[in-house]
Amino acid sequence: MRKLITLIIFYIISISVGIAETCPTIQDIKNGNFHAWRLYDSDSHQPLNTKYVPQFKQYAQQFTLAEWHKDSKQRNIIRCYYRDFNGSEARAYLAKKDFHPEIVKNTWYSVSGSLHCAAGRNHCVFQNNQSSHQLARNDSPG
């Protein structure tokens, strides 16, 4: 019975590790496949006006940075930033709530109250907080 429980716990852990995510690819952005993400204006940090969404999709050319704030107001929000054709930062960023960086790989570094990752989109990995909480509930004694 203990072997079965150990196997189930190992399976749950391996699934939760497999849930790691990265920022959307440029192709995802071009095709509009970023539905779980919200677009925000880089200056006002308000939802991006829908009239600017086609411009973001057209001009986003390169992933720049993933960011996660440590402070309580922005905590657990991953932000993804992109550059345009000329290397200028896009006027918008993509954000997703309830995530935290996967800092095991040492690609995240601390900058003024937040964690940044500029190691490349595939190396800036983060995980859903709810999968971690679910795992914690499964592991607690009944």
C-alpha atoms as a PDB file:
ATOM      1  CA  MET A   1       0.000   0.000   0.000  1.00  0.00           C
ATOM      2  CA  ARG A   2       2.847   2.415   0.840  1.00  0.00           C
ATOM      3  CA  LYS A   3       4.432   1.724  -2.544  1.00  0.00           C
ATOM      4  CA  LEU A   4       1.170   2.644  -4.229  1.00  0.00           C
ATOM      5  CA  ILE A   5       0.866   5.887  -2.239  1.00  0.00           C
ATOM      6  CA  THR A   6       4.510   6.726  -3.004  1.00  0.00           C
ATOM      7  CA  LEU A   7       3.904   6.042  -6.689  1.00  0.00           C
ATOM      8  CA  ILE A   8       0.798   8.258  -6.705  1.00  0.00           C
ATOM      9  CA  ILE A   9       2.655  11.108  -4.979  1.00  0.00           C
ATOM     10  CA  PHE A  10       5.538  10.774  -7.458  1.00  0.00           C
ATOM     11  CA  TYR A  11       3.045  10.859 -10.328  1.00  0.00           C
ATOM     12  CA  ILE A  12       1.357  13.999  -8.957  1.00  0.00           C
ATOM     13  CA  ILE A  13       4.717  15.727  -8.537  1.00  0.00           C
ATOM     14  CA  SER A  14       5.800  14.808 -12.060  1.00  0.00           C
ATOM     15  CA  ILE A  15       2.522  16.135 -13.460  1.00  0.00           C
ATOM     16  CA  SER A  16       2.883  19.409 -11.562  1.00  0.00           C
ATOM     17  CA  VAL A  17       6.426  19.815 -12.886  1.00  0.00           C
ATOM     18  CA  GLY A  18       5.086  19.161 -16.372  1.00  0.00           C
ATOM     19  CA  ILE A  19       2.659  22.076 -16.021  1.00  0.00           C
ATOM     20  CA  ALA A  20       5.494  24.601 -16.226  1.00  0.00           C
ATOM     21  CA  GLU A  21       4.762  27.372 -18.706  1.00  0.00           C
ATOM     22  CA  THR A  22       6.588  30.004 -20.690  1.00  0.00           C
ATOM     23  CA  CYS A  23       5.537  33.276 -22.282  1.00  0.00           C
ATOM     24  CA  PRO A  24       3.671  33.023 -25.594  1.00  0.00           C
ATOM     25  CA  THR A  25       5.762  32.591 -28.733  1.00  0.00           C
ATOM     26  CA  ILE A  26       5.833  35.244 -31.439  1.00  0.00           C
ATOM     27  CA  GLN A  27       3.843  32.828 -33.621  1.00  0.00           C
ATOM     28  CA  ASP A  28       1.216  32.501 -30.871  1.00  0.00           C
ATOM     29  CA  ILE A  29       0.942  36.286 -30.721  1.00  0.00           C
ATOM     30  CA  LYS A  30       0.708  36.653 -34.508  1.00  0.00           C
ATOM     31  CA  ASN A  31      -2.040  34.001 -34.627  1.00  0.00           C
ATOM     32  CA  GLY A  32      -3.883  35.449 -31.609  1.00  0.00           C
ATOM     33  CA  ASN A  33      -3.275  32.289 -29.548  1.00  0.00           C
ATOM     34  CA  PHE A  34      -2.788  33.978 -26.189  1.00  0.00           C
ATOM     35  CA  HIS A  35      -6.332  33.709 -24.827  1.00  0.00           C
ATOM     36  CA  ALA A  36      -5.304  32.906 -21.245  1.00  0.00           C
ATOM     37  CA  TRP A  37      -3.198  36.080 -21.226  1.00  0.00           C
ATOM     38  CA  ARG A  38      -4.314  39.699 -20.870  1.00  0.00           C
ATOM     39  CA  LEU A  39      -2.749  42.606 -22.717  1.00  0.00           C
ATOM     40  CA  TYR A  40      -1.868  45.705 -20.698  1.00  0.00           C
ATOM     41  CA  ASP A  41      -0.610  49.146 -21.659  1.00  0.00           C
ATOM     42  CA  SER A  42       3.054  49.462 -20.606  1.00  0.00           C
ATOM     43  CA  ASP A  43       2.610  53.056 -19.434  1.00  0.00           C
ATOM     44  CA  SER A  44      -0.708  52.989 -17.568  1.00  0.00           C
ATOM     45  CA  HIS A  45      -0.748  49.261 -16.625  1.00  0.00           C
ATOM     46  CA  GLN A  46      -4.429  49.256 -17.558  1.00  0.00           C
ATOM     47  CA  PRO A  47      -5.952  46.731 -19.989  1.00  0.00           C
ATOM     48  CA  LEU A  48      -4.837  47.618 -23.510  1.00  0.00           C
ATOM     49  CA  ASN A  49      -7.446  49.371 -25.624  1.00  0.00           C
ATOM     50  CA  THR A  50      -8.735  46.808 -28.133  1.00  0.00           C
ATOM     51  CA  LYS A  51      -7.895  49.113 -31.047  1.00  0.00           C
ATOM     52  CA  TYR A  52      -4.161  48.590 -30.262  1.00  0.00           C
ATOM     53  CA  VAL A  53      -4.279  44.770 -30.144  1.00  0.00           C
ATOM     54  CA  PRO A  54      -3.739  44.373 -33.925  1.00  0.00           C
ATOM     55  CA  GLN A  55      -0.688  46.662 -33.685  1.00  0.00           C
ATOM     56  CA  PHE A  56       0.773  44.589 -30.852  1.00  0.00           C
ATOM     57  CA  LYS A  57       0.215  41.398 -32.844  1.00  0.00           C
ATOM     58  CA  GLN A  58       1.809  42.919 -35.935  1.00  0.00           C
ATOM     59  CA  TYR A  59       4.864  44.525 -34.336  1.00  0.00           C
ATOM     60  CA  ALA A  60       5.871  42.016 -31.650  1.00  0.00           C
ATOM     61  CA  GLN A  61       9.028  40.426 -33.050  1.00  0.00           C
ATOM     62  CA  GLN A  62      11.127  39.166 -30.153  1.00  0.00           C
ATOM     63  CA  PHE A  63      10.651  38.090 -26.544  1.00  0.00           C
ATOM     64  CA  THR A  64      12.532  40.449 -24.222  1.00  0.00           C
ATOM     65  CA  LEU A  65      11.800  39.724 -20.582  1.00  0.00           C
ATOM     66  CA  ALA A  66       9.570  37.899 -18.126  1.00  0.00           C
ATOM     67  CA  GLU A  67       8.848  39.666 -14.848  1.00  0.00           C
ATOM     68  CA  TRP A  68       7.291  38.653 -11.520  1.00  0.00           C
ATOM     69  CA  HIS A  69       6.671  41.219  -8.767  1.00  0.00           C
ATOM     70  CA  LYS A  70       7.395  40.370  -5.146  1.00  0.00           C
ATOM     71  CA  ASP A  71       5.194  43.112  -3.658  1.00  0.00           C
ATOM     72  CA  SER A  72       1.666  42.340  -2.524  1.00  0.00           C
ATOM     73  CA  LYS A  73      -0.107  44.515  -5.115  1.00  0.00           C
ATOM     74  CA  GLN A  74       1.283  42.724  -8.187  1.00  0.00           C
ATOM     75  CA  ARG A  75       2.237  39.436  -6.551  1.00  0.00           C
ATOM     76  CA  ASN A  76       1.736  36.213  -8.512  1.00  0.00           C
ATOM     77  CA  ILE A  77       1.404  37.970 -11.864  1.00  0.00           C
ATOM     78  CA  ILE A  78       3.792  37.003 -14.651  1.00  0.00           C
ATOM     79  CA  ARG A  79       4.413  39.711 -17.253  1.00  0.00           C
ATOM     80  CA  CYS A  80       5.926  39.040 -20.668  1.00  0.00           C
ATOM     81  CA  TYR A  81       7.552  41.837 -22.656  1.00  0.00           C
ATOM     82  CA  TYR A  82       8.417  41.930 -26.360  1.00  0.00           C
ATOM     83  CA  ARG A  83      10.334  44.122 -28.832  1.00  0.00           C
ATOM     84  CA  ASP A  84       9.312  45.414 -32.247  1.00  0.00           C
ATOM     85  CA  PHE A  85      11.203  45.417 -35.602  1.00  0.00           C
ATOM     86  CA  ASN A  86      13.520  48.222 -34.481  1.00  0.00           C
ATOM     87  CA  GLY A  87      14.360  46.756 -31.077  1.00  0.00           C
ATOM     88  CA  SER A  88      12.039  49.145 -29.234  1.00  0.00           C
ATOM     89  CA  GLU A  89       9.946  47.839 -26.378  1.00  0.00           C
ATOM     90  CA  ALA A  90       6.340  47.185 -27.369  1.00  0.00           C
ATOM     91  CA  ARG A  91       3.782  49.560 -25.873  1.00  0.00           C
ATOM     92  CA  ALA A  92       2.007  46.610 -24.274  1.00  0.00           C
ATOM     93  CA  TYR A  93       2.827  43.472 -22.321  1.00  0.00           C
ATOM     94  CA  LEU A  94       1.057  40.167 -21.696  1.00  0.00           C
ATOM     95  CA  ALA A  95       0.160  39.217 -18.116  1.00  0.00           C
ATOM     96  CA  LYS A  96      -1.187  36.135 -16.413  1.00  0.00           C
ATOM     97  CA  LYS A  97      -2.314  35.787 -12.776  1.00  0.00           C
ATOM     98  CA  ASP A  98      -1.651  33.067 -10.195  1.00  0.00           C
ATOM     99  CA  PHE A  99       1.834  32.089 -11.360  1.00  0.00           C
ATOM    100  CA  HIS A 100       5.293  32.101  -9.804  1.00  0.00           C
ATOM    101  CA  PRO A 101       8.759  31.708 -11.316  1.00  0.00           C
ATOM    102  CA  GLU A 102      10.441  28.342 -11.361  1.00  0.00           C
ATOM    103  CA  ILE A 103      13.680  29.512  -9.795  1.00  0.00           C
ATOM    104  CA  VAL A 104      15.373  26.113  -9.674  1.00  0.00           C
ATOM    105  CA  LYS A 105      17.159  26.801 -12.959  1.00  0.00           C
ATOM    106  CA  ASN A 106      18.693  30.107 -11.753  1.00  0.00           C
ATOM    107  CA  THR A 107      17.474  32.079 -14.760  1.00  0.00           C
ATOM    108  CA  TRP A 108      15.522  34.557 -12.611  1.00  0.00           C
ATOM    109  CA  TYR A 109      17.318  37.461 -10.898  1.00  0.00           C
ATOM    110  CA  SER A 110      16.183  40.133  -8.463  1.00  0.00           C
ATOM    111  CA  VAL A 111      15.666  43.724  -9.663  1.00  0.00           C
ATOM    112  CA  SER A 112      14.030  46.416  -7.492  1.00  0.00           C
ATOM    113  CA  GLY A 113      11.361  44.320  -5.784  1.00  0.00           C
ATOM    114  CA  SER A 114      10.708  41.924  -8.631  1.00  0.00           C
ATOM    115  CA  LEU A 115      12.267  38.926 -10.335  1.00  0.00           C
ATOM    116  CA  HIS A 116      13.309  39.176 -13.992  1.00  0.00           C
ATOM    117  CA  CYS A 117      14.261  36.566 -16.540  1.00  0.00           C
ATOM    118  CA  ALA A 118      15.930  37.558 -19.804  1.00  0.00           C
ATOM    119  CA  ALA A 119      17.504  34.164 -20.509  1.00  0.00           C
ATOM    120  CA  GLY A 120      15.218  33.506 -23.472  1.00  0.00           C
ATOM    121  CA  ARG A 121      11.555  32.600 -23.630  1.00  0.00           C
ATOM    122  CA  ASN A 122      12.141  28.846 -23.238  1.00  0.00           C
ATOM    123  CA  HIS A 123      14.301  29.370 -20.141  1.00  0.00           C
ATOM    124  CA  CYS A 124      11.948  31.768 -18.337  1.00  0.00           C
ATOM    125  CA  VAL A 125       9.729  29.087 -16.848  1.00  0.00           C
ATOM    126  CA  PHE A 126       6.912  29.597 -14.354  1.00  0.00           C
ATOM    127  CA  GLN A 127       4.217  27.493 -12.741  1.00  0.00           C
ATOM    128  CA  ASN A 128       0.623  27.898 -11.712  1.00  0.00           C
ATOM    129  CA  ASN A 129       0.253  28.610  -7.995  1.00  0.00           C
ATOM    130  CA  GLN A 130      -2.935  26.575  -7.781  1.00  0.00           C
ATOM    131  CA  SER A 131      -1.213  23.354  -8.860  1.00  0.00           C
ATOM    132  CA  SER A 132       1.262  23.881  -5.994  1.00  0.00           C
ATOM    133  CA  HIS A 133      -1.561  24.483  -3.513  1.00  0.00           C
ATOM    134  CA  GLN A 134      -3.424  21.415  -4.753  1.00  0.00           C
ATOM    135  CA  LEU A 135      -0.306  19.314  -4.317  1.00  0.00           C
ATOM    136  CA  ALA A 136       0.126  20.641  -0.786  1.00  0.00           C
ATOM    137  CA  ARG A 137      -3.447  19.670   0.077  1.00  0.00           C
ATOM    138  CA  ASN A 138      -2.899  16.164  -1.316  1.00  0.00           C
ATOM    139  CA  ASP A 139       0.240  15.693   0.771  1.00  0.00           C
ATOM    140  CA  SER A 140      -1.208  16.860   4.092  1.00  0.00           C
ATOM    141  CA  PRO A 141      -2.243  14.169   6.538  1.00  0.00           C
ATOM    142  CA  GLY A 142      -5.942  13.404   6.675  1.00  0.00           C
END
